[in-house]
Amino acid sequence: MELSCQDWMSALPEELWDVSLTDLAIPGSHDAMSYCLDINSPLLRSESDFFRVLDGLFYCFTRPVIFKWATTQDKSIEEQLSMGIRFFDLRIAHKPNDSSSDLYFTHVIYTHLTVLETLVSVATWLKSHPKEIVILACSHLEGMDDTRHESFIYSLKKLFGSKLCPRTESVLTLRNLWASGYQVILSYDSQVAARHQELWPAIPYWWANKHTAQGVISYLEWNKQQGRPEGFFVSGLNLTADRCYIAKNRKESLRTLTYSNWDILSKWVEEQTPGSDPKSLNIIAGDFVGPLPLCSQVIALNQKLRRRNSIQIKKQY
């Protein structure tokens, strides 16, 4: 299979066009928008009072530390799309004491870019790549009351229009989505989503909360033994360092931690298989998806699905 990461879905062989997206291997971006965090922005509402006091007293020390551990990506969303990312972990919030209706992406602090201006870029990219399907997972949604939810959802519908695949769509194959003109599966982690057929429920994300590759892999393997969820689900390769680890490793950053563990994580990815089997994987998300070859490795896993389908067809004859 000849792979073009920019248009890898349309480059898949025809025998995979009738496989559900929930059974394909799809590369994802954890905390996709953290490449544009604003180091001077307020802390998230959900941060503890103790951390707020600490940040207020030692701002010059805490902010550089927050920035280097909260930054999980270094490529723009357009670049991530062109590299092959098709699942985006988008954490969204309204800033405290902000009189405007603007929403921002978050990871401990807020981003420079607003949500809507970023998603306009996604919509523009999709127009140039009409056979690529993206999964946008909107979560956290801090500081949003019912009015803000409805206003935001209205903007999403207006922006993506007929490209939004409704959750009532039961045939999630490339062939069917192409025929229907659908390009966006929009997951919305709020009860408000139930009012809108264009919105899908929250997508399960297997998060290990570990700072070593071995810890992440052990957690993911344990989940695999329990059996895969129905529908879409994400296996997170992202490492997590708690405040104790950060205090003991002042010269490190999330980038250095991710890079130093990548070889082990990479070998594990190569051993995985997509499909409908209980131990198969679907979306595999990670940090620093630009410099690390996550996209090409995950996309290549679909070759295993193709070979398995070919063997099954031969057995029928």
C-alpha atoms as a PDB file:
ATOM      1  CA  MET A   1       0.000   0.000   0.000  1.00  0.00           C
ATOM      2  CA  GLU A   2       1.435   3.323  -1.055  1.00  0.00           C
ATOM      3  CA  LEU A   3       0.871   5.831   1.719  1.00  0.00           C
ATOM      4  CA  SER A   4       0.343   9.556   1.405  1.00  0.00           C
ATOM      5  CA  CYS A   5      -0.074  10.913   4.909  1.00  0.00           C
ATOM      6  CA  GLN A   6      -1.737  14.102   3.657  1.00  0.00           C
ATOM      7  CA  ASP A   7      -4.501  12.122   1.922  1.00  0.00           C
ATOM      8  CA  TRP A   8      -3.979   8.725   3.464  1.00  0.00           C
ATOM      9  CA  MET A   9      -7.651   7.839   3.737  1.00  0.00           C
ATOM     10  CA  SER A  10      -8.262   8.285   0.034  1.00  0.00           C
ATOM     11  CA  ALA A  11      -5.003   6.388  -0.603  1.00  0.00           C
ATOM     12  CA  LEU A  12      -6.195   3.288   1.249  1.00  0.00           C
ATOM     13  CA  PRO A  13      -6.829   0.281  -1.036  1.00  0.00           C
ATOM     14  CA  GLU A  14     -10.437  -0.191  -2.127  1.00  0.00           C
ATOM     15  CA  GLU A  15     -10.920  -3.309   0.002  1.00  0.00           C
ATOM     16  CA  LEU A  16     -10.680  -1.073   3.094  1.00  0.00           C
ATOM     17  CA  TRP A  17     -13.265   1.440   1.904  1.00  0.00           C
ATOM     18  CA  ASP A  18     -16.010  -0.752   3.389  1.00  0.00           C
ATOM     19  CA  VAL A  19     -14.347  -1.189   6.789  1.00  0.00           C
ATOM     20  CA  SER A  20     -15.863   0.894   9.592  1.00  0.00           C
ATOM     21  CA  LEU A  21     -13.740   3.817  10.801  1.00  0.00           C
ATOM     22  CA  THR A  22     -14.068   2.298  14.267  1.00  0.00           C
ATOM     23  CA  ASP A  23     -12.026  -0.672  12.985  1.00  0.00           C
ATOM     24  CA  LEU A  24      -9.316   1.299  11.175  1.00  0.00           C
ATOM     25  CA  ALA A  25      -6.062   2.450  12.776  1.00  0.00           C
ATOM     26  CA  ILE A  26      -6.294   6.245  13.069  1.00  0.00           C
ATOM     27  CA  PRO A  27      -3.511   8.553  14.306  1.00  0.00           C
ATOM     28  CA  GLY A  28      -4.524  11.123  16.905  1.00  0.00           C
ATOM     29  CA  SER A  29      -3.142  14.219  18.593  1.00  0.00           C
ATOM     30  CA  HIS A  30      -3.312  14.479  22.391  1.00  0.00           C
ATOM     31  CA  ASP A  31      -3.994  18.051  23.583  1.00  0.00           C
ATOM     32  CA  ALA A  32      -3.767  19.039  19.940  1.00  0.00           C
ATOM     33  CA  MET A  33      -3.759  22.824  20.455  1.00  0.00           C
ATOM     34  CA  SER A  34      -1.135  23.128  23.198  1.00  0.00           C
ATOM     35  CA  TYR A  35       1.382  24.397  20.629  1.00  0.00           C
ATOM     36  CA  CYS A  36      -0.074  27.897  21.055  1.00  0.00           C
ATOM     37  CA  LEU A  37      -0.436  28.219  24.825  1.00  0.00           C
ATOM     38  CA  ASP A  38      -0.315  31.760  26.199  1.00  0.00           C
ATOM     39  CA  ILE A  39       2.231  31.751  29.037  1.00  0.00           C
ATOM     40  CA  ASN A  40       0.652  34.917  30.473  1.00  0.00           C
ATOM     41  CA  SER A  41      -2.942  33.696  30.506  1.00  0.00           C
ATOM     42  CA  PRO A  42      -4.869  32.898  33.709  1.00  0.00           C
ATOM     43  CA  LEU A  43      -4.832  29.413  35.172  1.00  0.00           C
ATOM     44  CA  LEU A  44      -7.794  27.189  34.443  1.00  0.00           C
ATOM     45  CA  ARG A  45     -10.736  27.473  36.819  1.00  0.00           C
ATOM     46  CA  SER A  46     -10.312  23.820  37.818  1.00  0.00           C
ATOM     47  CA  GLU A  47      -6.759  24.265  39.160  1.00  0.00           C
ATOM     48  CA  SER A  48      -6.475  23.985  42.940  1.00  0.00           C
ATOM     49  CA  ASP A  49      -6.450  27.001  45.247  1.00  0.00           C
ATOM     50  CA  PHE A  50      -3.012  25.964  46.523  1.00  0.00           C
ATOM     51  CA  PHE A  51      -1.610  25.984  42.997  1.00  0.00           C
ATOM     52  CA  ARG A  52      -3.172  29.400  42.356  1.00  0.00           C
ATOM     53  CA  VAL A  53      -1.503  30.831  45.470  1.00  0.00           C
ATOM     54  CA  LEU A  54       1.817  29.270  44.484  1.00  0.00           C
ATOM     55  CA  ASP A  55       1.507  30.670  40.965  1.00  0.00           C
ATOM     56  CA  GLY A  56       0.683  34.118  42.332  1.00  0.00           C
ATOM     57  CA  LEU A  57       3.669  34.181  44.695  1.00  0.00           C
ATOM     58  CA  PHE A  58       6.264  32.617  42.385  1.00  0.00           C
ATOM     59  CA  TYR A  59       4.902  33.528  38.941  1.00  0.00           C
ATOM     60  CA  CYS A  60       8.355  33.954  37.363  1.00  0.00           C
ATOM     61  CA  PHE A  61       9.241  30.421  38.406  1.00  0.00           C
ATOM     62  CA  THR A  62       5.955  28.600  37.899  1.00  0.00           C
ATOM     63  CA  ARG A  63       5.073  29.887  34.426  1.00  0.00           C
ATOM     64  CA  PRO A  64       8.136  28.582  32.544  1.00  0.00           C
ATOM     65  CA  VAL A  65       7.661  25.215  34.287  1.00  0.00           C
ATOM     66  CA  ILE A  66       3.962  25.108  33.410  1.00  0.00           C
ATOM     67  CA  PHE A  67       4.701  26.042  29.818  1.00  0.00           C
ATOM     68  CA  LYS A  68       7.300  23.330  29.193  1.00  0.00           C
ATOM     69  CA  TRP A  69       5.207  20.601  30.832  1.00  0.00           C
ATOM     70  CA  ALA A  70       1.828  21.663  29.407  1.00  0.00           C
ATOM     71  CA  THR A  71       3.065  21.935  25.812  1.00  0.00           C
ATOM     72  CA  THR A  72       2.380  18.599  24.108  1.00  0.00           C
ATOM     73  CA  GLN A  73       2.537  19.612  20.426  1.00  0.00           C
ATOM     74  CA  ASP A  74       4.716  21.901  18.330  1.00  0.00           C
ATOM     75  CA  LYS A  75       2.933  21.878  14.939  1.00  0.00           C
ATOM     76  CA  SER A  76      -0.127  23.896  13.917  1.00  0.00           C
ATOM     77  CA  ILE A  77      -3.420  22.124  13.396  1.00  0.00           C
ATOM     78  CA  GLU A  78      -3.082  22.514   9.610  1.00  0.00           C
ATOM     79  CA  GLU A  79       0.363  20.901   9.773  1.00  0.00           C
ATOM     80  CA  GLN A  80      -0.968  18.090  11.932  1.00  0.00           C
ATOM     81  CA  LEU A  81      -3.748  17.474   9.416  1.00  0.00           C
ATOM     82  CA  SER A  82      -1.252  17.339   6.563  1.00  0.00           C
ATOM     83  CA  MET A  83       0.924  14.923   8.557  1.00  0.00           C
ATOM     84  CA  GLY A  84      -2.021  12.520   8.787  1.00  0.00           C
ATOM     85  CA  ILE A  85      -3.635  13.248  12.158  1.00  0.00           C
ATOM     86  CA  ARG A  86      -7.371  12.520  11.981  1.00  0.00           C
ATOM     87  CA  PHE A  87      -8.357  12.588  15.674  1.00  0.00           C
ATOM     88  CA  PHE A  88      -7.975  15.834  17.619  1.00  0.00           C
ATOM     89  CA  ASP A  89      -8.220  16.063  21.407  1.00  0.00           C
ATOM     90  CA  LEU A  90      -9.621  19.591  21.844  1.00  0.00           C
ATOM     91  CA  ARG A  91      -9.973  20.901  25.401  1.00  0.00           C
ATOM     92  CA  ILE A  92     -12.143  23.974  25.402  1.00  0.00           C
ATOM     93  CA  ALA A  93     -13.037  26.645  27.964  1.00  0.00           C
ATOM     94  CA  HIS A  94     -14.288  30.174  28.465  1.00  0.00           C
ATOM     95  CA  LYS A  95     -11.835  32.411  30.307  1.00  0.00           C
ATOM     96  CA  PRO A  96     -12.860  33.648  33.749  1.00  0.00           C
ATOM     97  CA  ASN A  97     -13.916  37.307  33.855  1.00  0.00           C
ATOM     98  CA  ASP A  98     -13.986  37.506  30.056  1.00  0.00           C
ATOM     99  CA  SER A  99     -16.980  39.495  28.846  1.00  0.00           C
ATOM    100  CA  SER A 100     -16.586  38.268  25.264  1.00  0.00           C
ATOM    101  CA  SER A 101     -18.074  35.043  23.910  1.00  0.00           C
ATOM    102  CA  ASP A 102     -14.670  33.820  22.728  1.00  0.00           C
ATOM    103  CA  LEU A 103     -13.642  30.288  23.644  1.00  0.00           C
ATOM    104  CA  TYR A 104     -10.055  29.073  23.933  1.00  0.00           C
ATOM    105  CA  PHE A 105      -8.244  25.760  24.053  1.00  0.00           C
ATOM    106  CA  THR A 106      -6.689  24.808  27.352  1.00  0.00           C
ATOM    107  CA  HIS A 107      -4.058  22.742  29.122  1.00  0.00           C
ATOM    108  CA  VAL A 108      -3.476  24.226  32.591  1.00  0.00           C
ATOM    109  CA  ILE A 109      -3.474  27.660  30.888  1.00  0.00           C
ATOM    110  CA  TYR A 110      -5.249  29.042  27.792  1.00  0.00           C
ATOM    111  CA  THR A 111      -4.158  29.367  24.174  1.00  0.00           C
ATOM    112  CA  HIS A 112      -3.522  32.478  22.083  1.00  0.00           C
ATOM    113  CA  LEU A 113      -5.833  31.228  19.331  1.00  0.00           C
ATOM    114  CA  THR A 114      -9.584  31.088  19.771  1.00  0.00           C
ATOM    115  CA  VAL A 115     -11.542  27.935  19.079  1.00  0.00           C
ATOM    116  CA  LEU A 116     -13.569  29.241  16.155  1.00  0.00           C
ATOM    117  CA  GLU A 117     -10.663  30.781  14.240  1.00  0.00           C
ATOM    118  CA  THR A 118      -8.841  27.453  14.561  1.00  0.00           C
ATOM    119  CA  LEU A 119     -11.795  25.391  13.388  1.00  0.00           C
ATOM    120  CA  VAL A 120     -12.208  27.704  10.385  1.00  0.00           C
ATOM    121  CA  SER A 121      -8.695  26.557   9.411  1.00  0.00           C
ATOM    122  CA  VAL A 122      -9.819  22.936   9.740  1.00  0.00           C
ATOM    123  CA  ALA A 123     -12.883  23.576   7.542  1.00  0.00           C
ATOM    124  CA  THR A 124     -10.682  25.256   4.922  1.00  0.00           C
ATOM    125  CA  TRP A 125      -8.245  22.332   4.926  1.00  0.00           C
ATOM    126  CA  LEU A 126     -11.085  19.841   4.476  1.00  0.00           C
ATOM    127  CA  LYS A 127     -12.293  21.641   1.363  1.00  0.00           C
ATOM    128  CA  SER A 128      -8.939  20.876  -0.256  1.00  0.00           C
ATOM    129  CA  HIS A 129      -9.032  17.249   0.911  1.00  0.00           C
ATOM    130  CA  PRO A 130     -12.620  16.116   0.255  1.00  0.00           C
ATOM    131  CA  LYS A 131     -11.999  12.419   1.023  1.00  0.00           C
ATOM    132  CA  GLU A 132     -10.372  12.892   4.425  1.00  0.00           C
ATOM    133  CA  ILE A 133     -12.491  12.408   7.558  1.00  0.00           C
ATOM    134  CA  VAL A 134     -11.609  14.060  10.885  1.00  0.00           C
ATOM    135  CA  ILE A 135     -12.806  13.304  14.401  1.00  0.00           C
ATOM    136  CA  LEU A 136     -12.966  16.396  16.615  1.00  0.00           C
ATOM    137  CA  ALA A 137     -13.323  15.573  20.313  1.00  0.00           C
ATOM    138  CA  CYS A 138     -14.457  18.641  22.258  1.00  0.00           C
ATOM    139  CA  SER A 139     -14.027  18.089  25.984  1.00  0.00           C
ATOM    140  CA  HIS A 140     -13.626  19.786  29.386  1.00  0.00           C
ATOM    141  CA  LEU A 141     -15.792  22.751  28.247  1.00  0.00           C
ATOM    142  CA  GLU A 142     -15.063  24.768  31.393  1.00  0.00           C
ATOM    143  CA  GLY A 143     -16.878  27.976  32.234  1.00  0.00           C
ATOM    144  CA  MET A 144     -19.715  27.274  29.809  1.00  0.00           C
ATOM    145  CA  ASP A 145     -23.356  27.641  30.790  1.00  0.00           C
ATOM    146  CA  ASP A 146     -26.253  26.440  28.663  1.00  0.00           C
ATOM    147  CA  THR A 147     -26.355  29.648  26.620  1.00  0.00           C
ATOM    148  CA  ARG A 148     -22.662  29.438  25.744  1.00  0.00           C
ATOM    149  CA  HIS A 149     -23.026  25.765  24.813  1.00  0.00           C
ATOM    150  CA  GLU A 150     -25.888  26.468  22.455  1.00  0.00           C
ATOM    151  CA  SER A 151     -24.132  29.458  20.901  1.00  0.00           C
ATOM    152  CA  PHE A 152     -20.966  27.425  20.324  1.00  0.00           C
ATOM    153  CA  ILE A 153     -22.880  24.471  18.860  1.00  0.00           C
ATOM    154  CA  TYR A 154     -24.748  26.830  16.522  1.00  0.00           C
ATOM    155  CA  SER A 155     -21.381  28.158  15.302  1.00  0.00           C
ATOM    156  CA  LEU A 156     -20.095  24.622  14.743  1.00  0.00           C
ATOM    157  CA  LYS A 157     -23.157  23.697  12.685  1.00  0.00           C
ATOM    158  CA  LYS A 158     -22.857  26.860  10.639  1.00  0.00           C
ATOM    159  CA  LEU A 159     -19.143  26.291  10.024  1.00  0.00           C
ATOM    160  CA  PHE A 160     -19.178  22.616   9.012  1.00  0.00           C
ATOM    161  CA  GLY A 161     -22.755  22.408   7.721  1.00  0.00           C
ATOM    162  CA  SER A 162     -23.475  19.315   5.648  1.00  0.00           C
ATOM    163  CA  LYS A 163     -19.984  17.931   6.379  1.00  0.00           C
ATOM    164  CA  LEU A 164     -21.121  16.998   9.909  1.00  0.00           C
ATOM    165  CA  CYS A 165     -21.867  13.299  10.175  1.00  0.00           C
ATOM    166  CA  PRO A 166     -24.918  12.765  12.443  1.00  0.00           C
ATOM    167  CA  ARG A 167     -24.632  10.256  15.274  1.00  0.00           C
ATOM    168  CA  THR A 168     -27.582   8.398  13.733  1.00  0.00           C
ATOM    169  CA  GLU A 169     -25.329   7.359  10.844  1.00  0.00           C
ATOM    170  CA  SER A 170     -24.796   3.624  11.295  1.00  0.00           C
ATOM    171  CA  VAL A 171     -22.560   2.927   8.291  1.00  0.00           C
ATOM    172  CA  LEU A 172     -19.248   4.608   9.124  1.00  0.00           C
ATOM    173  CA  THR A 173     -17.261   3.352   6.160  1.00  0.00           C
ATOM    174  CA  LEU A 174     -15.184   5.578   3.923  1.00  0.00           C
ATOM    175  CA  ARG A 175     -17.281   4.638   0.900  1.00  0.00           C
ATOM    176  CA  ASN A 176     -20.534   5.626   2.615  1.00  0.00           C
ATOM    177  CA  LEU A 177     -19.165   8.829   4.176  1.00  0.00           C
ATOM    178  CA  TRP A 178     -17.731   9.932   0.841  1.00  0.00           C
ATOM    179  CA  ALA A 179     -21.080   9.294  -0.882  1.00  0.00           C
ATOM    180  CA  SER A 180     -22.878  11.339   1.796  1.00  0.00           C
ATOM    181  CA  GLY A 181     -20.362  14.186   1.780  1.00  0.00           C
ATOM    182  CA  TYR A 182     -19.578  13.742   5.491  1.00  0.00           C
ATOM    183  CA  GLN A 183     -16.101  14.763   6.663  1.00  0.00           C
ATOM    184  CA  VAL A 184     -16.474  15.651  10.361  1.00  0.00           C
ATOM    185  CA  ILE A 185     -17.398  13.457  13.312  1.00  0.00           C
ATOM    186  CA  LEU A 186     -17.894  15.890  16.172  1.00  0.00           C
ATOM    187  CA  SER A 187     -17.732  14.457  19.698  1.00  0.00           C
ATOM    188  CA  TYR A 188     -19.039  16.771  22.430  1.00  0.00           C
ATOM    189  CA  ASP A 189     -18.455  15.844  26.068  1.00  0.00           C
ATOM    190  CA  SER A 190     -21.570  17.377  27.591  1.00  0.00           C
ATOM    191  CA  GLN A 191     -25.158  16.342  28.216  1.00  0.00           C
ATOM    192  CA  VAL A 192     -26.109  19.198  25.888  1.00  0.00           C
ATOM    193  CA  ALA A 193     -24.992  16.976  22.990  1.00  0.00           C
ATOM    194  CA  ALA A 194     -28.123  14.839  23.324  1.00  0.00           C
ATOM    195  CA  ARG A 195     -30.210  17.727  21.928  1.00  0.00           C
ATOM    196  CA  HIS A 196     -28.296  17.793  18.646  1.00  0.00           C
ATOM    197  CA  GLN A 197     -28.109  14.850  16.251  1.00  0.00           C
ATOM    198  CA  GLU A 198     -24.959  16.326  14.684  1.00  0.00           C
ATOM    199  CA  LEU A 199     -23.042  15.741  17.940  1.00  0.00           C
ATOM    200  CA  TRP A 200     -21.563  12.440  19.053  1.00  0.00           C
ATOM    201  CA  PRO A 201     -21.059  11.461  22.712  1.00  0.00           C
ATOM    202  CA  ALA A 202     -17.662  11.542  24.418  1.00  0.00           C
ATOM    203  CA  ILE A 203     -15.141   9.092  22.975  1.00  0.00           C
ATOM    204  CA  PRO A 204     -13.444   6.830  25.564  1.00  0.00           C
ATOM    205  CA  TYR A 205      -9.763   7.728  26.046  1.00  0.00           C
ATOM    206  CA  TRP A 206      -7.425   5.227  27.690  1.00  0.00           C
ATOM    207  CA  TRP A 207      -5.125   7.486  29.720  1.00  0.00           C
ATOM    208  CA  ALA A 208      -2.428   5.735  31.756  1.00  0.00           C
ATOM    209  CA  ASN A 209      -1.338   8.731  33.862  1.00  0.00           C
ATOM    210  CA  LYS A 210       2.222   7.312  33.971  1.00  0.00           C
ATOM    211  CA  HIS A 211       5.628   8.886  33.303  1.00  0.00           C
ATOM    212  CA  THR A 212       7.319   5.832  31.782  1.00  0.00           C
ATOM    213  CA  ALA A 213       6.723   3.942  28.555  1.00  0.00           C
ATOM    214  CA  GLN A 214       6.519   0.690  30.522  1.00  0.00           C
ATOM    215  CA  GLY A 215       3.780   2.169  32.733  1.00  0.00           C
ATOM    216  CA  VAL A 216       1.768   3.374  29.733  1.00  0.00           C
ATOM    217  CA  ILE A 217       2.100   0.050  27.914  1.00  0.00           C
ATOM    218  CA  SER A 218       1.120  -1.990  30.994  1.00  0.00           C
ATOM    219  CA  TYR A 219      -1.994   0.129  31.385  1.00  0.00           C
ATOM    220  CA  LEU A 220      -2.959  -0.157  27.703  1.00  0.00           C
ATOM    221  CA  GLU A 221      -2.350  -3.916  27.682  1.00  0.00           C
ATOM    222  CA  TRP A 222      -4.554  -4.287  30.764  1.00  0.00           C
ATOM    223  CA  ASN A 223      -7.335  -2.401  28.979  1.00  0.00           C
ATOM    224  CA  LYS A 224      -6.934  -4.584  25.910  1.00  0.00           C
ATOM    225  CA  GLN A 225      -7.506  -7.650  28.075  1.00  0.00           C
ATOM    226  CA  GLN A 226     -10.861  -6.186  29.147  1.00  0.00           C
ATOM    227  CA  GLY A 227     -11.958  -5.907  25.516  1.00  0.00           C
ATOM    228  CA  ARG A 228     -12.387  -2.894  23.292  1.00  0.00           C
ATOM    229  CA  PRO A 229     -15.331  -0.490  23.741  1.00  0.00           C
ATOM    230  CA  GLU A 230     -18.042  -0.305  21.115  1.00  0.00           C
ATOM    231  CA  GLY A 231     -17.493   2.438  18.567  1.00  0.00           C
ATOM    232  CA  PHE A 232     -14.548   4.808  18.548  1.00  0.00           C
ATOM    233  CA  PHE A 233     -11.974   4.709  21.336  1.00  0.00           C
ATOM    234  CA  VAL A 234      -8.512   6.155  21.904  1.00  0.00           C
ATOM    235  CA  SER A 235      -5.349   4.533  23.202  1.00  0.00           C
ATOM    236  CA  GLY A 236      -3.231   7.340  24.631  1.00  0.00           C
ATOM    237  CA  LEU A 237       0.541   7.036  24.333  1.00  0.00           C
ATOM    238  CA  ASN A 238       0.971  10.331  26.177  1.00  0.00           C
ATOM    239  CA  LEU A 239       3.136  10.371  29.288  1.00  0.00           C
ATOM    240  CA  THR A 240       2.169  12.290  32.422  1.00  0.00           C
ATOM    241  CA  ALA A 241       4.497  13.740  35.053  1.00  0.00           C
ATOM    242  CA  ASP A 242       3.080  14.691  38.453  1.00  0.00           C
ATOM    243  CA  ARG A 243       4.332  17.687  40.434  1.00  0.00           C
ATOM    244  CA  CYS A 244       6.637  15.521  42.537  1.00  0.00           C
ATOM    245  CA  TYR A 245       8.364  14.157  39.419  1.00  0.00           C
ATOM    246  CA  ILE A 246       8.650  17.640  37.907  1.00  0.00           C
ATOM    247  CA  ALA A 247      10.207  19.038  41.105  1.00  0.00           C
ATOM    248  CA  LYS A 248      12.823  16.258  41.108  1.00  0.00           C
ATOM    249  CA  ASN A 249      13.628  16.601  37.389  1.00  0.00           C
ATOM    250  CA  ARG A 250      13.899  20.347  36.842  1.00  0.00           C
ATOM    251  CA  LYS A 251      15.974  20.079  33.655  1.00  0.00           C
ATOM    252  CA  GLU A 252      13.437  17.853  31.940  1.00  0.00           C
ATOM    253  CA  SER A 253      10.322  18.801  29.993  1.00  0.00           C
ATOM    254  CA  LEU A 254       7.426  16.865  28.520  1.00  0.00           C
ATOM    255  CA  ARG A 255       9.300  16.937  25.223  1.00  0.00           C
ATOM    256  CA  THR A 256      12.478  15.341  26.619  1.00  0.00           C
ATOM    257  CA  LEU A 257      10.403  12.800  28.557  1.00  0.00           C
ATOM    258  CA  THR A 258       8.421  11.875  25.437  1.00  0.00           C
ATOM    259  CA  TYR A 259      11.518  11.587  23.250  1.00  0.00           C
ATOM    260  CA  SER A 260      13.418   9.434  25.754  1.00  0.00           C
ATOM    261  CA  ASN A 261      10.515   6.957  25.922  1.00  0.00           C
ATOM    262  CA  TRP A 262       9.624   6.967  22.241  1.00  0.00           C
ATOM    263  CA  ASP A 263      11.620   3.919  21.084  1.00  0.00           C
ATOM    264  CA  ILE A 264       9.777   1.632  23.497  1.00  0.00           C
ATOM    265  CA  LEU A 265       6.378   3.141  22.660  1.00  0.00           C
ATOM    266  CA  SER A 266       7.141   2.958  18.941  1.00  0.00           C
ATOM    267  CA  LYS A 267       7.917  -0.768  19.091  1.00  0.00           C
ATOM    268  CA  TRP A 268       4.661  -1.367  20.931  1.00  0.00           C
ATOM    269  CA  VAL A 269       2.698   0.532  18.263  1.00  0.00           C
ATOM    270  CA  GLU A 270       4.212  -1.599  15.502  1.00  0.00           C
ATOM    271  CA  GLU A 271       2.932  -4.741  17.238  1.00  0.00           C
ATOM    272  CA  GLN A 272      -0.704  -3.566  17.346  1.00  0.00           C
ATOM    273  CA  THR A 273      -3.526  -4.601  15.047  1.00  0.00           C
ATOM    274  CA  PRO A 274      -6.690  -2.688  14.075  1.00  0.00           C
ATOM    275  CA  GLY A 275     -10.035  -4.369  13.481  1.00  0.00           C
ATOM    276  CA  SER A 276     -13.095  -5.561  15.352  1.00  0.00           C
ATOM    277  CA  ASP A 277     -11.402  -8.179  17.536  1.00  0.00           C
ATOM    278  CA  PRO A 278     -11.626  -7.599  21.317  1.00  0.00           C
ATOM    279  CA  LYS A 279      -7.892  -6.823  21.580  1.00  0.00           C
ATOM    280  CA  SER A 280      -7.676  -4.638  18.479  1.00  0.00           C
ATOM    281  CA  LEU A 281      -7.047  -0.887  18.615  1.00  0.00           C
ATOM    282  CA  ASN A 282      -8.681   2.035  16.854  1.00  0.00           C
ATOM    283  CA  ILE A 283      -7.360   5.574  17.467  1.00  0.00           C
ATOM    284  CA  ILE A 284      -3.800   5.858  18.784  1.00  0.00           C
ATOM    285  CA  ALA A 285      -2.946   9.342  20.072  1.00  0.00           C
ATOM    286  CA  GLY A 286       0.329  10.824  21.237  1.00  0.00           C
ATOM    287  CA  ASP A 287       2.355  13.940  21.932  1.00  0.00           C
ATOM    288  CA  PHE A 288       4.705  15.759  19.532  1.00  0.00           C
ATOM    289  CA  VAL A 289       3.145  14.072  16.526  1.00  0.00           C
ATOM    290  CA  GLY A 290       5.115  16.338  14.182  1.00  0.00           C
ATOM    291  CA  PRO A 291       8.722  15.393  14.959  1.00  0.00           C
ATOM    292  CA  LEU A 292       7.900  11.799  15.972  1.00  0.00           C
ATOM    293  CA  PRO A 293       6.721   9.346  13.260  1.00  0.00           C
ATOM    294  CA  LEU A 294       3.473   8.358  14.985  1.00  0.00           C
ATOM    295  CA  CYS A 295       1.279   9.102  11.967  1.00  0.00           C
ATOM    296  CA  SER A 296       3.092   6.906   9.478  1.00  0.00           C
ATOM    297  CA  GLN A 297       3.371   4.050  11.966  1.00  0.00           C
ATOM    298  CA  VAL A 298      -0.318   4.071  12.878  1.00  0.00           C
ATOM    299  CA  ILE A 299      -1.486   4.442   9.275  1.00  0.00           C
ATOM    300  CA  ALA A 300       0.738   1.514   8.256  1.00  0.00           C
ATOM    301  CA  LEU A 301      -1.091  -0.764  10.718  1.00  0.00           C
ATOM    302  CA  ASN A 302      -4.004  -0.795   8.273  1.00  0.00           C
ATOM    303  CA  GLN A 303      -1.888  -2.987   6.010  1.00  0.00           C
ATOM    304  CA  LYS A 304      -2.425  -5.774   8.565  1.00  0.00           C
ATOM    305  CA  LEU A 305      -6.179  -5.303   8.224  1.00  0.00           C
ATOM    306  CA  ARG A 306      -5.876  -5.455   4.454  1.00  0.00           C
ATOM    307  CA  ARG A 307      -3.830  -8.676   4.571  1.00  0.00           C
ATOM    308  CA  ARG A 308      -6.295 -10.278   6.997  1.00  0.00           C
ATOM    309  CA  ASN A 309      -9.263  -9.368   4.786  1.00  0.00           C
ATOM    310  CA  SER A 310      -7.451 -10.797   1.748  1.00  0.00           C
ATOM    311  CA  ILE A 311      -6.832 -14.083   3.602  1.00  0.00           C
ATOM    312  CA  GLN A 312     -10.495 -14.315   4.624  1.00  0.00           C
ATOM    313  CA  ILE A 313     -11.630 -13.733   1.023  1.00  0.00           C
ATOM    314  CA  LYS A 314      -9.299 -16.483  -0.228  1.00  0.00           C
ATOM    315  CA  LYS A 315     -10.660 -18.911   2.380  1.00  0.00           C
ATOM    316  CA  GLN A 316     -14.202 -18.268   1.098  1.00  0.00           C
ATOM    317  CA  TYR A 317     -13.145 -19.534  -2.304  1.00  0.00           C
END
